[in-house]
PDB file of N, CA and C in Angstrom:
ATOM      1  N   MET A   1       0.909  -0.973   0.170  1.00  0.00           N
ATOM      2  CA  MET A   1      -0.201  -0.138   0.168  1.00  0.00           C
ATOM      3  C   MET A   1       1.168   1.326  -0.250  1.00  0.00           C
ATOM      4  N   GLU A   2       0.403   1.804  -0.818  1.00  0.00           N
ATOM      5  CA  GLU A   2       1.648   3.483  -0.923  1.00  0.00           C
ATOM      6  C   GLU A   2       0.961   4.472   0.074  1.00  0.00           C
ATOM      7  N   SER A   3       1.768   5.445   0.446  1.00  0.00           N
ATOM      8  CA  SER A   3       1.571   6.129   1.509  1.00  0.00           C
ATOM      9  C   SER A   3       1.221   7.480   0.712  1.00  0.00           C
ATOM     10  N   LYS A   4       0.222   8.366   1.389  1.00  0.00           N
ATOM     11  CA  LYS A   4      -0.081   9.627   0.396  1.00  0.00           C
ATOM     12  C   LYS A   4       0.115  10.591   1.629  1.00  0.00           C
ATOM     13  N   ALA A   5       0.447  11.954   0.934  1.00  0.00           N
ATOM     14  CA  ALA A   5       0.645  12.794   1.901  1.00  0.00           C
ATOM     15  C   ALA A   5      -0.402  13.544   2.530  1.00  0.00           C
ATOM     16  N   TYR A   6      -0.645  13.126   4.003  1.00  0.00           N
ATOM     17  CA  TYR A   6      -1.297  13.994   4.631  1.00  0.00           C
ATOM     18  C   TYR A   6      -1.264  15.350   5.083  1.00  0.00           C
ATOM     19  N   GLY A   7      -0.126  15.873   5.643  1.00  0.00           N
ATOM     20  CA  GLY A   7       0.209  17.207   6.041  1.00  0.00           C
ATOM     21  C   GLY A   7       1.047  17.129   6.572  1.00  0.00           C
ATOM     22  N   PHE A   8       1.493  18.091   7.595  1.00  0.00           N
ATOM     23  CA  PHE A   8       3.071  18.507   8.135  1.00  0.00           C
ATOM     24  C   PHE A   8       2.641  18.694   9.385  1.00  0.00           C
ATOM     25  N   LEU A   9       3.146  18.606  10.465  1.00  0.00           N
ATOM     26  CA  LEU A   9       3.566  18.869  11.746  1.00  0.00           C
ATOM     27  C   LEU A   9       4.561  19.916  12.160  1.00  0.00           C
ATOM     28  N   ILE A  10       4.171  21.210  12.701  1.00  0.00           N
ATOM     29  CA  ILE A  10       5.356  21.866  12.746  1.00  0.00           C
ATOM     30  C   ILE A  10       5.029  22.246  14.133  1.00  0.00           C
ATOM     31  N   ASP A  11       6.401  22.524  14.921  1.00  0.00           N
ATOM     32  CA  ASP A  11       6.676  21.813  16.319  1.00  0.00           C
ATOM     33  C   ASP A  11       6.049  20.743  16.832  1.00  0.00           C
ATOM     34  N   SER A  12       5.665  20.522  17.920  1.00  0.00           N
ATOM     35  CA  SER A  12       4.911  19.409  18.317  1.00  0.00           C
ATOM     36  C   SER A  12       3.489  19.426  18.363  1.00  0.00           C
ATOM     37  N   ASP A  13       2.659  20.312  17.938  1.00  0.00           N
ATOM     38  CA  ASP A  13       1.637  20.840  18.423  1.00  0.00           C
ATOM     39  C   ASP A  13       0.742  21.702  17.214  1.00  0.00           C
ATOM     40  N   ILE A  14       1.484  22.052  16.030  1.00  0.00           N
ATOM     41  CA  ILE A  14       0.734  22.669  14.876  1.00  0.00           C
ATOM     42  C   ILE A  14       0.558  21.363  13.644  1.00  0.00           C
ATOM     43  N   GLN A  15      -0.392  21.237  13.192  1.00  0.00           N
ATOM     44  CA  GLN A  15      -0.731  20.462  12.155  1.00  0.00           C
ATOM     45  C   GLN A  15      -1.546  21.270  11.355  1.00  0.00           C
ATOM     46  N   PHE A  16      -0.581  20.706   9.853  1.00  0.00           N
ATOM     47  CA  PHE A  16      -1.322  21.393   8.878  1.00  0.00           C
ATOM     48  C   PHE A  16      -1.937  20.460   8.067  1.00  0.00           C
ATOM     49  N   ASP A  17      -3.411  20.397   7.782  1.00  0.00           N
ATOM     50  CA  ASP A  17      -4.256  19.400   7.197  1.00  0.00           C
ATOM     51  C   ASP A  17      -4.323  19.890   5.737  1.00  0.00           C
ATOM     52  N   ILE A  18      -3.606  19.095   4.633  1.00  0.00           N
ATOM     53  CA  ILE A  18      -3.985  19.473   3.426  1.00  0.00           C
ATOM     54  C   ILE A  18      -5.144  19.414   2.525  1.00  0.00           C
ATOM     55  N   CYS A  19      -5.832  18.549   2.495  1.00  0.00           N
ATOM     56  CA  CYS A  19      -7.193  17.881   2.187  1.00  0.00           C
ATOM     57  C   CYS A  19      -8.374  18.908   2.465  1.00  0.00           C
ATOM     58  N   ASN A  20      -7.980  19.076   3.847  1.00  0.00           N
ATOM     59  CA  ASN A  20      -9.162  19.928   4.644  1.00  0.00           C
ATOM     60  C   ASN A  20      -8.974  21.406   4.754  1.00  0.00           C
ATOM     61  N   ARG A  21      -7.737  21.790   3.974  1.00  0.00           N
ATOM     62  CA  ARG A  21      -7.059  23.235   3.905  1.00  0.00           C
ATOM     63  C   ARG A  21      -7.234  23.926   5.600  1.00  0.00           C
ATOM     64  N   ARG A  22      -6.505  23.515   6.243  1.00  0.00           N
ATOM     65  CA  ARG A  22      -6.657  24.291   7.908  1.00  0.00           C
ATOM     66  C   ARG A  22      -5.313  23.787   8.422  1.00  0.00           C
ATOM     67  N   ILE A  23      -5.386  24.743   9.666  1.00  0.00           N
ATOM     68  CA  ILE A  23      -4.236  24.547  10.368  1.00  0.00           C
ATOM     69  C   ILE A  23      -4.591  24.441  11.659  1.00  0.00           C
ATOM     70  N   PHE A  24      -4.339  23.478  12.335  1.00  0.00           N
ATOM     71  CA  PHE A  24      -5.021  23.722  14.048  1.00  0.00           C
ATOM     72  C   PHE A  24      -3.791  23.535  14.805  1.00  0.00           C
ATOM     73  N   ARG A  25      -3.988  23.584  16.039  1.00  0.00           N
ATOM     74  CA  ARG A  25      -3.062  23.734  16.926  1.00  0.00           C
ATOM     75  C   ARG A  25      -3.809  23.245  18.546  1.00  0.00           C
ATOM     76  N   TYR A  26      -3.098  22.284  19.162  1.00  0.00           N
ATOM     77  CA  TYR A  26      -3.789  21.841  20.274  1.00  0.00           C
ATOM     78  C   TYR A  26      -2.707  21.809  21.367  1.00  0.00           C
ATOM     79  N   TYR A  27      -3.027  22.511  22.728  1.00  0.00           N
ATOM     80  CA  TYR A  27      -2.030  22.199  23.639  1.00  0.00           C
ATOM     81  C   TYR A  27      -2.762  22.281  24.947  1.00  0.00           C
ATOM     82  N   GLU A  28      -2.144  21.630  25.849  1.00  0.00           N
ATOM     83  CA  GLU A  28      -2.547  21.481  26.964  1.00  0.00           C
ATOM     84  C   GLU A  28      -1.909  22.362  28.164  1.00  0.00           C
ATOM     85  N   GLU A  29      -2.748  23.032  29.061  1.00  0.00           N
ATOM     86  CA  GLU A  29      -2.021  23.817  30.071  1.00  0.00           C
ATOM     87  C   GLU A  29      -2.523  22.913  31.285  1.00  0.00           C
ATOM     88  N   ILE A  30      -1.227  22.336  31.474  1.00  0.00           N
ATOM     89  CA  ILE A  30      -0.915  21.264  32.513  1.00  0.00           C
ATOM     90  C   ILE A  30      -1.847  21.457  34.115  1.00  0.00           C
ATOM     91  N   SER A  31      -1.224  22.915  34.439  1.00  0.00           N
ATOM     92  CA  SER A  31      -1.629  23.397  35.549  1.00  0.00           C
ATOM     93  C   SER A  31      -3.245  23.486  35.984  1.00  0.00           C
ATOM     94  N   GLU A  32      -3.958  23.785  34.807  1.00  0.00           N
ATOM     95  CA  GLU A  32      -5.476  23.650  34.831  1.00  0.00           C
ATOM     96  C   GLU A  32      -5.902  22.483  34.262  1.00  0.00           C
ATOM     97  N   HIS A  33      -5.389  21.666  33.783  1.00  0.00           N
ATOM     98  CA  HIS A  33      -5.478  20.084  32.906  1.00  0.00           C
ATOM     99  C   HIS A  33      -6.879  20.907  31.966  1.00  0.00           C
ATOM    100  N   THR A  34      -6.537  22.154  31.067  1.00  0.00           N
ATOM    101  CA  THR A  34      -7.419  22.675  29.925  1.00  0.00           C
ATOM    102  C   THR A  34      -6.879  22.001  28.965  1.00  0.00           C
ATOM    103  N   LEU A  35      -7.331  21.874  27.951  1.00  0.00           N
ATOM    104  CA  LEU A  35      -7.026  21.279  26.585  1.00  0.00           C
ATOM    105  C   LEU A  35      -7.505  22.429  25.541  1.00  0.00           C
ATOM    106  N   PHE A  36      -6.528  23.290  25.133  1.00  0.00           N
ATOM    107  CA  PHE A  36      -6.958  24.228  23.694  1.00  0.00           C
ATOM    108  C   PHE A  36      -6.685  23.742  22.664  1.00  0.00           C
ATOM    109  N   PHE A  37      -7.825  24.188  21.655  1.00  0.00           N
ATOM    110  CA  PHE A  37      -7.556  23.825  20.237  1.00  0.00           C
ATOM    111  C   PHE A  37      -7.932  25.045  19.436  1.00  0.00           C
ATOM    112  N   LYS A  38      -7.172  25.504  18.630  1.00  0.00           N
ATOM    113  CA  LYS A  38      -7.243  26.581  17.558  1.00  0.00           C
ATOM    114  C   LYS A  38      -7.399  25.636  16.031  1.00  0.00           C
ATOM    115  N   VAL A  39      -8.212  26.167  15.250  1.00  0.00           N
ATOM    116  CA  VAL A  39      -8.478  26.030  13.802  1.00  0.00           C
ATOM    117  C   VAL A  39      -8.316  27.115  12.986  1.00  0.00           C
ATOM    118  N   ILE A  40      -7.545  27.478  12.034  1.00  0.00           N
ATOM    119  CA  ILE A  40      -7.532  28.248  11.320  1.00  0.00           C
ATOM    120  C   ILE A  40      -7.915  27.594   9.676  1.00  0.00           C
ATOM    121  N   SER A  41      -8.825  28.333   8.798  1.00  0.00           N
ATOM    122  CA  SER A  41      -8.977  27.937   7.833  1.00  0.00           C
ATOM    123  C   SER A  41      -8.135  28.657   6.460  1.00  0.00           C
ATOM    124  N   LEU A  42      -7.531  27.839   5.341  1.00  0.00           N
ATOM    125  CA  LEU A  42      -6.800  28.389   4.545  1.00  0.00           C
ATOM    126  C   LEU A  42      -7.909  28.633   3.121  1.00  0.00           C
ATOM    127  N   ASN A  43      -7.694  29.553   2.209  1.00  0.00           N
ATOM    128  CA  ASN A  43      -8.180  29.159   0.828  1.00  0.00           C
ATOM    129  C   ASN A  43      -7.227  28.690   0.193  1.00  0.00           C
ATOM    130  N   GLU A  44      -7.206  28.235  -1.079  1.00  0.00           N
ATOM    131  CA  GLU A  44      -6.875  27.500  -2.058  1.00  0.00           C
ATOM    132  C   GLU A  44      -5.039  27.816  -2.439  1.00  0.00           C
ATOM    133  N   ILE A  45      -5.077  29.262  -2.703  1.00  0.00           N
ATOM    134  CA  ILE A  45      -3.954  29.757  -2.642  1.00  0.00           C
ATOM    135  C   ILE A  45      -2.910  29.629  -1.305  1.00  0.00           C
ATOM    136  N   GLN A  46      -3.421  29.656  -0.173  1.00  0.00           N
ATOM    137  CA  GLN A  46      -2.466  29.845   0.655  1.00  0.00           C
ATOM    138  C   GLN A  46      -2.465  28.346   1.168  1.00  0.00           C
ATOM    139  N   THR A  47      -3.242  27.497   1.048  1.00  0.00           N
ATOM    140  CA  THR A  47      -3.203  25.792   0.843  1.00  0.00           C
ATOM    141  C   THR A  47      -1.564  25.354   0.157  1.00  0.00           C
ATOM    142  N   ARG A  48      -2.011  25.818  -1.002  1.00  0.00           N
ATOM    143  CA  ARG A  48      -0.715  25.691  -2.135  1.00  0.00           C
ATOM    144  C   ARG A  48       0.535  26.150  -1.754  1.00  0.00           C
ATOM    145  N   LEU A  49       0.379  27.509  -1.225  1.00  0.00           N
ATOM    146  CA  LEU A  49       1.573  28.104  -1.137  1.00  0.00           C
ATOM    147  C   LEU A  49       2.148  27.436   0.380  1.00  0.00           C
ATOM    148  N   LEU A  50       1.614  27.173   1.130  1.00  0.00           N
ATOM    149  CA  LEU A  50       1.822  26.680   2.515  1.00  0.00           C
ATOM    150  C   LEU A  50       2.613  25.036   2.171  1.00  0.00           C
ATOM    151  N   ASN A  51       1.862  24.290   1.501  1.00  0.00           N
ATOM    152  CA  ASN A  51       2.177  22.859   1.408  1.00  0.00           C
ATOM    153  C   ASN A  51       3.684  23.033   0.397  1.00  0.00           C
ATOM    154  N   PHE A  52       3.908  23.986  -0.469  1.00  0.00           N
ATOM    155  CA  PHE A  52       4.903  24.124  -1.368  1.00  0.00           C
ATOM    156  C   PHE A  52       6.119  24.401  -0.518  1.00  0.00           C
ATOM    157  N   LEU A  53       5.670  25.194   0.368  1.00  0.00           N
ATOM    158  CA  LEU A  53       6.914  25.608   1.029  1.00  0.00           C
ATOM    159  C   LEU A  53       7.422  24.314   2.178  1.00  0.00           C
ATOM    160  N   LEU A  54       6.447  23.931   2.732  1.00  0.00           N
ATOM    161  CA  LEU A  54       6.681  22.726   3.561  1.00  0.00           C
ATOM    162  C   LEU A  54       7.296  21.864   2.764  1.00  0.00           C
ATOM    163  N   ALA A  55       7.162  21.355   1.870  1.00  0.00           N
ATOM    164  CA  ALA A  55       7.379  20.507   1.369  1.00  0.00           C
ATOM    165  C   ALA A  55       8.999  20.601   0.563  1.00  0.00           C
ATOM    166  N   ASN A  56       9.249  21.742   0.498  1.00  0.00           N
ATOM    167  CA  ASN A  56      10.737  21.947   0.266  1.00  0.00           C
ATOM    168  C   ASN A  56      11.306  22.738   1.436  1.00  0.00           C
ATOM    169  N   SER A  57      10.851  22.629   2.382  1.00  0.00           N
ATOM    170  CA  SER A  57      11.533  23.308   3.794  1.00  0.00           C
ATOM    171  C   SER A  57      13.162  22.621   3.787  1.00  0.00           C
ATOM    172  N   GLN A  58      13.512  21.716   3.059  1.00  0.00           N
ATOM    173  CA  GLN A  58      14.885  21.220   3.092  1.00  0.00           C
ATOM    174  C   GLN A  58      15.799  21.794   2.264  1.00  0.00           C
ATOM    175  N   ASP A  59      15.142  22.524   1.508  1.00  0.00           N
ATOM    176  CA  ASP A  59      15.943  23.468   0.625  1.00  0.00           C
ATOM    177  C   ASP A  59      16.414  24.877   1.473  1.00  0.00           C
ATOM    178  N   ALA A  60      18.133  25.072   1.144  1.00  0.00           N
ATOM    179  CA  ALA A  60      18.149  26.313   1.873  1.00  0.00           C
ATOM    180  C   ALA A  60      17.575  27.386   1.480  1.00  0.00           C
ATOM    181  N   ILE A  61      17.006  27.729   0.188  1.00  0.00           N
ATOM    182  CA  ILE A  61      16.365  28.938  -0.439  1.00  0.00           C
ATOM    183  C   ILE A  61      15.351  27.955  -1.500  1.00  0.00           C
ATOM    184  N   ILE A  62      13.996  28.576  -1.279  1.00  0.00           N
ATOM    185  CA  ILE A  62      12.881  27.823  -2.053  1.00  0.00           C
ATOM    186  C   ILE A  62      12.532  29.407  -3.107  1.00  0.00           C
ATOM    187  N   TYR A  63      12.819  29.206  -4.265  1.00  0.00           N
ATOM    188  CA  TYR A  63      13.081  30.302  -5.093  1.00  0.00           C
ATOM    189  C   TYR A  63      11.478  30.722  -5.542  1.00  0.00           C
ATOM    190  N   LYS A  64      11.376  32.522  -5.812  1.00  0.00           N
ATOM    191  CA  LYS A  64      10.494  32.699  -6.290  1.00  0.00           C
ATOM    192  C   LYS A  64       9.463  31.806  -7.644  1.00  0.00           C
ATOM    193  N   SER A  65      10.565  31.975  -8.404  1.00  0.00           N
ATOM    194  CA  SER A  65      10.071  31.519  -9.429  1.00  0.00           C
ATOM    195  C   SER A  65       9.382  30.000  -9.546  1.00  0.00           C
ATOM    196  N   ASP A  66       9.949  29.147  -8.670  1.00  0.00           N
ATOM    197  CA  ASP A  66       9.559  28.210  -8.796  1.00  0.00           C
ATOM    198  C   ASP A  66       8.146  28.105  -7.869  1.00  0.00           C
ATOM    199  N   ILE A  67       8.245  28.664  -6.611  1.00  0.00           N
ATOM    200  CA  ILE A  67       7.112  29.266  -6.322  1.00  0.00           C
ATOM    201  C   ILE A  67       5.868  29.433  -6.602  1.00  0.00           C
ATOM    202  N   MET A  68       5.928  30.738  -7.617  1.00  0.00           N
ATOM    203  CA  MET A  68       4.924  30.723  -8.618  1.00  0.00           C
ATOM    204  C   MET A  68       4.615  30.177  -9.366  1.00  0.00           C
ATOM    205  N   LYS A  69       5.615  29.004  -9.904  1.00  0.00           N
ATOM    206  CA  LYS A  69       5.142  27.869 -10.849  1.00  0.00           C
ATOM    207  C   LYS A  69       4.101  27.137 -10.228  1.00  0.00           C
ATOM    208  N   HIS A  70       4.502  26.476  -9.155  1.00  0.00           N
ATOM    209  CA  HIS A  70       3.443  25.517  -8.631  1.00  0.00           C
ATOM    210  C   HIS A  70       2.467  25.990  -7.928  1.00  0.00           C
ATOM    211  N   VAL A  71       2.387  27.041  -7.228  1.00  0.00           N
ATOM    212  CA  VAL A  71       1.118  27.698  -6.848  1.00  0.00           C
ATOM    213  C   VAL A  71       0.281  28.137  -7.245  1.00  0.00           C
ATOM    214  N   TRP A  72       0.487  29.214  -9.048  1.00  0.00           N
ATOM    215  CA  TRP A  72      -0.286  29.595  -9.442  1.00  0.00           C
ATOM    216  C   TRP A  72      -0.483  29.178 -10.970  1.00  0.00           C
ATOM    217  N   ASP A  73       0.822  29.269 -11.751  1.00  0.00           N
ATOM    218  CA  ASP A  73       1.028  28.758 -12.989  1.00  0.00           C
ATOM    219  C   ASP A  73       0.425  27.053 -13.263  1.00  0.00           C
ATOM    220  N   GLU A  74       0.408  26.449 -12.512  1.00  0.00           N
ATOM    221  CA  GLU A  74       0.249  25.244 -12.560  1.00  0.00           C
ATOM    222  C   GLU A  74      -1.511  24.828 -12.483  1.00  0.00           C
ATOM    223  N   ILE A  75      -2.079  25.839 -11.940  1.00  0.00           N
ATOM    224  CA  ILE A  75      -3.379  25.625 -12.157  1.00  0.00           C
ATOM    225  C   ILE A  75      -3.982  26.927 -13.091  1.00  0.00           C
ATOM    226  N   ASN A  76      -3.351  27.557 -14.139  1.00  0.00           N
ATOM    227  CA  ASN A  76      -3.665  28.517 -14.897  1.00  0.00           C
ATOM    228  C   ASN A  76      -3.945  29.971 -14.368  1.00  0.00           C
ATOM    229  N   LEU A  77      -3.542  30.209 -13.344  1.00  0.00           N
ATOM    230  CA  LEU A  77      -3.677  31.541 -12.766  1.00  0.00           C
ATOM    231  C   LEU A  77      -2.522  32.319 -12.799  1.00  0.00           C
ATOM    232  N   SER A  78      -2.623  33.631 -12.889  1.00  0.00           N
ATOM    233  CA  SER A  78      -1.399  34.533 -13.153  1.00  0.00           C
ATOM    234  C   SER A  78      -0.361  34.953 -12.162  1.00  0.00           C
ATOM    235  N   SER A  79       0.804  34.795 -12.169  1.00  0.00           N
ATOM    236  CA  SER A  79       1.392  34.628 -10.987  1.00  0.00           C
ATOM    237  C   SER A  79       2.350  36.124 -11.002  1.00  0.00           C
ATOM    238  N   SER A  80       2.533  36.722 -10.027  1.00  0.00           N
ATOM    239  CA  SER A  80       3.503  37.671  -9.944  1.00  0.00           C
ATOM    240  C   SER A  80       4.070  38.119  -8.684  1.00  0.00           C
ATOM    241  N   ASN A  81       5.171  38.851  -8.363  1.00  0.00           N
ATOM    242  CA  ASN A  81       5.752  38.747  -7.261  1.00  0.00           C
ATOM    243  C   ASN A  81       4.638  39.619  -6.235  1.00  0.00           C
ATOM    244  N   GLN A  82       4.029  40.439  -6.565  1.00  0.00           N
ATOM    245  CA  GLN A  82       2.860  40.886  -5.940  1.00  0.00           C
ATOM    246  C   GLN A  82       2.506  40.117  -5.246  1.00  0.00           C
ATOM    247  N   ARG A  83       1.547  39.271  -6.160  1.00  0.00           N
ATOM    248  CA  ARG A  83       0.648  38.340  -5.682  1.00  0.00           C
ATOM    249  C   ARG A  83       1.104  37.223  -4.727  1.00  0.00           C
ATOM    250  N   LEU A  84       2.602  37.062  -5.168  1.00  0.00           N
ATOM    251  CA  LEU A  84       3.388  36.136  -3.780  1.00  0.00           C
ATOM    252  C   LEU A  84       3.552  37.108  -2.779  1.00  0.00           C
ATOM    253  N   TRP A  85       4.178  38.231  -2.634  1.00  0.00           N
ATOM    254  CA  TRP A  85       4.096  38.784  -1.253  1.00  0.00           C
ATOM    255  C   TRP A  85       2.654  38.931  -0.702  1.00  0.00           C
ATOM    256  N   HIS A  86       1.707  39.518  -1.043  1.00  0.00           N
ATOM    257  CA  HIS A  86       0.711  39.466  -0.611  1.00  0.00           C
ATOM    258  C   HIS A  86      -0.166  38.068   0.207  1.00  0.00           C
ATOM    259  N   ALA A  87       0.033  37.250  -0.748  1.00  0.00           N
ATOM    260  CA  ALA A  87      -0.314  35.817  -0.342  1.00  0.00           C
ATOM    261  C   ALA A  87       0.720  35.478   0.806  1.00  0.00           C
ATOM    262  N   LEU A  88       1.896  35.457   0.962  1.00  0.00           N
ATOM    263  CA  LEU A  88       2.889  35.065   1.810  1.00  0.00           C
ATOM    264  C   LEU A  88       2.326  35.970   3.154  1.00  0.00           C
ATOM    265  N   ASN A  89       2.227  37.145   3.295  1.00  0.00           N
ATOM    266  CA  ASN A  89       2.085  37.866   4.425  1.00  0.00           C
ATOM    267  C   ASN A  89       0.614  37.619   4.892  1.00  0.00           C
ATOM    268  N   GLU A  90      -0.342  37.391   4.218  1.00  0.00           N
ATOM    269  CA  GLU A  90      -1.689  37.061   4.850  1.00  0.00           C
ATOM    270  C   GLU A  90      -1.302  35.433   5.557  1.00  0.00           C
ATOM    271  N   LEU A  91      -0.957  34.358   4.615  1.00  0.00           N
ATOM    272  CA  LEU A  91      -0.232  33.329   5.590  1.00  0.00           C
ATOM    273  C   LEU A  91       0.523  33.248   6.606  1.00  0.00           C
ATOM    274  N   LYS A  92       1.736  34.049   7.028  1.00  0.00           N
ATOM    275  CA  LYS A  92       2.199  34.594   7.857  1.00  0.00           C
ATOM    276  C   LYS A  92       1.537  35.351   9.141  1.00  0.00           C
ATOM    277  N   LYS A  93       0.521  35.786   8.766  1.00  0.00           N
ATOM    278  CA  LYS A  93      -0.679  36.195   9.857  1.00  0.00           C
ATOM    279  C   LYS A  93      -1.094  35.199  10.411  1.00  0.00           C
ATOM    280  N   LYS A  94      -1.582  34.157   9.409  1.00  0.00           N
ATOM    281  CA  LYS A  94      -2.412  33.046  10.115  1.00  0.00           C
ATOM    282  C   LYS A  94      -1.325  32.266  10.757  1.00  0.00           C
ATOM    283  N   LEU A  95      -0.411  31.885  10.445  1.00  0.00           N
ATOM    284  CA  LEU A  95       0.796  31.090  11.374  1.00  0.00           C
ATOM    285  C   LEU A  95       1.039  31.799  12.276  1.00  0.00           C
ATOM    286  N   SER A  96       1.443  33.127  12.465  1.00  0.00           N
ATOM    287  CA  SER A  96       1.423  34.143  13.799  1.00  0.00           C
ATOM    288  C   SER A  96       0.198  33.885  14.714  1.00  0.00           C
ATOM    289  N   ALA A  97      -0.801  33.676  14.247  1.00  0.00           N
ATOM    290  CA  ALA A  97      -2.216  33.741  14.823  1.00  0.00           C
ATOM    291  C   ALA A  97      -1.652  32.299  15.596  1.00  0.00           C
ATOM    292  N   MET A  98      -1.197  31.074  15.047  1.00  0.00           N
ATOM    293  CA  MET A  98      -0.975  29.979  15.672  1.00  0.00           C
ATOM    294  C   MET A  98      -0.139  29.764  16.575  1.00  0.00           C
ATOM    295  N   GLY A  99       0.683  30.944  16.784  1.00  0.00           N
ATOM    296  CA  GLY A  99       2.085  30.706  17.902  1.00  0.00           C
ATOM    297  C   GLY A  99       3.318  30.628  16.874  1.00  0.00           C
ATOM    298  N   LEU A 100       3.449  30.868  15.497  1.00  0.00           N
ATOM    299  CA  LEU A 100       4.902  30.683  15.544  1.00  0.00           C
ATOM    300  C   LEU A 100       5.632  32.117  14.993  1.00  0.00           C
ATOM    301  N   PRO A 101       6.815  32.150  15.182  1.00  0.00           N
ATOM    302  CA  PRO A 101       7.436  32.993  15.268  1.00  0.00           C
ATOM    303  C   PRO A 101       7.402  34.001  13.803  1.00  0.00           C
ATOM    304  N   GLU A 102       7.316  34.969  13.606  1.00  0.00           N
ATOM    305  CA  GLU A 102       7.674  35.739  12.264  1.00  0.00           C
ATOM    306  C   GLU A 102       8.700  35.089  11.613  1.00  0.00           C
ATOM    307  N   ASP A 103       9.799  34.984  12.233  1.00  0.00           N
ATOM    308  CA  ASP A 103      11.135  34.100  11.366  1.00  0.00           C
ATOM    309  C   ASP A 103      11.035  32.855  10.908  1.00  0.00           C
ATOM    310  N   PHE A 104       9.808  32.195  10.848  1.00  0.00           N
ATOM    311  CA  PHE A 104       9.351  30.632  10.873  1.00  0.00           C
ATOM    312  C   PHE A 104       9.929  30.628   9.296  1.00  0.00           C
ATOM    313  N   ILE A 105       9.098  31.620   8.452  1.00  0.00           N
ATOM    314  CA  ILE A 105       9.310  31.874   6.940  1.00  0.00           C
ATOM    315  C   ILE A 105      10.148  33.287   6.937  1.00  0.00           C
ATOM    316  N   THR A 106      11.390  33.197   5.856  1.00  0.00           N
ATOM    317  CA  THR A 106      12.209  34.284   6.008  1.00  0.00           C
ATOM    318  C   THR A 106      12.274  34.816   4.496  1.00  0.00           C
ATOM    319  N   ASN A 107      12.272  36.092   4.364  1.00  0.00           N
ATOM    320  CA  ASN A 107      12.454  36.634   2.914  1.00  0.00           C
ATOM    321  C   ASN A 107      14.190  36.547   2.925  1.00  0.00           C
ATOM    322  N   VAL A 108      14.362  35.627   1.665  1.00  0.00           N
ATOM    323  CA  VAL A 108      15.861  35.897   1.008  1.00  0.00           C
ATOM    324  C   VAL A 108      15.917  37.150   0.086  1.00  0.00           C
ATOM    325  N   HIS A 109      16.163  38.062   0.132  1.00  0.00           N
ATOM    326  CA  HIS A 109      16.170  39.374  -0.414  1.00  0.00           C
ATOM    327  C   HIS A 109      16.270  39.247  -1.979  1.00  0.00           C
ATOM    328  N   GLY A 110      15.427  39.463  -2.605  1.00  0.00           N
ATOM    329  CA  GLY A 110      15.741  39.182  -4.444  1.00  0.00           C
ATOM    330  C   GLY A 110      15.302  37.623  -4.952  1.00  0.00           C
ATOM    331  N   ILE A 111      15.521  36.916  -4.099  1.00  0.00           N
ATOM    332  CA  ILE A 111      15.340  35.572  -4.516  1.00  0.00           C
ATOM    333  C   ILE A 111      14.314  34.138  -4.278  1.00  0.00           C
ATOM    334  N   GLY A 112      14.102  34.695  -3.220  1.00  0.00           N
ATOM    335  CA  GLY A 112      13.179  33.766  -2.750  1.00  0.00           C
ATOM    336  C   GLY A 112      12.794  33.727  -1.241  1.00  0.00           C
ATOM    337  N   TYR A 113      12.566  32.316  -0.775  1.00  0.00           N
ATOM    338  CA  TYR A 113      12.132  32.299   0.577  1.00  0.00           C
ATOM    339  C   TYR A 113      13.026  31.152   1.412  1.00  0.00           C
ATOM    340  N   SER A 114      13.088  31.264   2.842  1.00  0.00           N
ATOM    341  CA  SER A 114      13.639  29.953   3.497  1.00  0.00           C
ATOM    342  C   SER A 114      12.602  29.895   4.737  1.00  0.00           C
ATOM    343  N   VAL A 115      12.340  28.265   4.549  1.00  0.00           N
ATOM    344  CA  VAL A 115      11.634  28.004   6.000  1.00  0.00           C
ATOM    345  C   VAL A 115      12.337  27.216   7.112  1.00  0.00           C
ATOM    346  N   ASP A 116      11.969  27.503   8.601  1.00  0.00           N
ATOM    347  CA  ASP A 116      12.831  26.758   9.402  1.00  0.00           C
ATOM    348  C   ASP A 116      12.648  25.572   9.590  1.00  0.00           C
ATOM    349  N   ASN A 117      13.209  24.859   8.778  1.00  0.00           N
ATOM    350  CA  ASN A 117      13.034  23.217   8.790  1.00  0.00           C
ATOM    351  C   ASN A 117      13.313  22.218  10.013  1.00  0.00           C
ATOM    352  N   ARG A 118      14.048  23.012  10.834  1.00  0.00           N
ATOM    353  CA  ARG A 118      13.990  22.016  12.162  1.00  0.00           C
ATOM    354  C   ARG A 118      12.648  21.653  12.752  1.00  0.00           C
ATOM    355  N   ARG A 119      11.845  22.600  12.326  1.00  0.00           N
ATOM    356  CA  ARG A 119      10.399  22.535  13.153  1.00  0.00           C
ATOM    357  C   ARG A 119       9.590  21.555  12.093  1.00  0.00           C
ATOM    358  N   VAL A 120       9.988  21.392  11.121  1.00  0.00           N
ATOM    359  CA  VAL A 120       8.624  20.901  10.236  1.00  0.00           C
ATOM    360  C   VAL A 120       8.669  19.391  10.285  1.00  0.00           C
ATOM    361  N   MET A 121       7.904  18.834  10.266  1.00  0.00           N
ATOM    362  CA  MET A 121       8.061  17.125   9.936  1.00  0.00           C
ATOM    363  C   MET A 121       6.749  16.407   8.868  1.00  0.00           C
ATOM    364  N   SER A 122       7.171  15.847   7.889  1.00  0.00           N
ATOM    365  CA  SER A 122       5.824  15.490   6.668  1.00  0.00           C
ATOM    366  C   SER A 122       5.037  14.217   7.528  1.00  0.00           C
ATOM    367  N   LEU A 123       3.750  14.172   7.178  1.00  0.00           N
ATOM    368  CA  LEU A 123       2.694  13.309   7.575  1.00  0.00           C
ATOM    369  C   LEU A 123       2.348  12.629   6.807  1.00  0.00           C
ATOM    370  N   PHE A 124       2.028  11.280   6.480  1.00  0.00           N
ATOM    371  CA  PHE A 124       1.664  10.531   5.774  1.00  0.00           C
ATOM    372  C   PHE A 124       0.504   9.774   6.269  1.00  0.00           C
ATOM    373  N   ILE A 125      -0.541   9.038   5.477  1.00  0.00           N
ATOM    374  CA  ILE A 125      -1.307   8.317   5.552  1.00  0.00           C
ATOM    375  C   ILE A 125      -1.089   6.947   4.240  1.00  0.00           C
ATOM    376  N   LYS A 126      -1.484   5.898   4.835  1.00  0.00           N
ATOM    377  CA  LYS A 126      -1.914   4.567   4.046  1.00  0.00           C
ATOM    378  C   LYS A 126      -3.177   4.589   3.394  1.00  0.00           C
TER     379      LYS A 126
END
């Protein structure tokens, strides 16, 4: 039986579910025995963008041209540096709301982006 990509685990408590286009975080306050659960939905472009960035997070630099090709061009949408910048800023706001630091995804000036791959683990299902 072949494995299929389900999503990604970021740190130990943030999960990106590709098929359902959402990020969720769960954590427990041990002192109060309370479980917190937070869910943020992503649109199609944000899902494609985050999936591509995390799937390629082992690369030191993820080139803008590769991102635009895989996120927009492959589904016959027009790509541009402005669209990439805007989509990435919106995505980073959502990731920040989940508790990830601003530098989880960093800009490599004029070239592309880099992801803190030490925090990312791929998840598969059979």
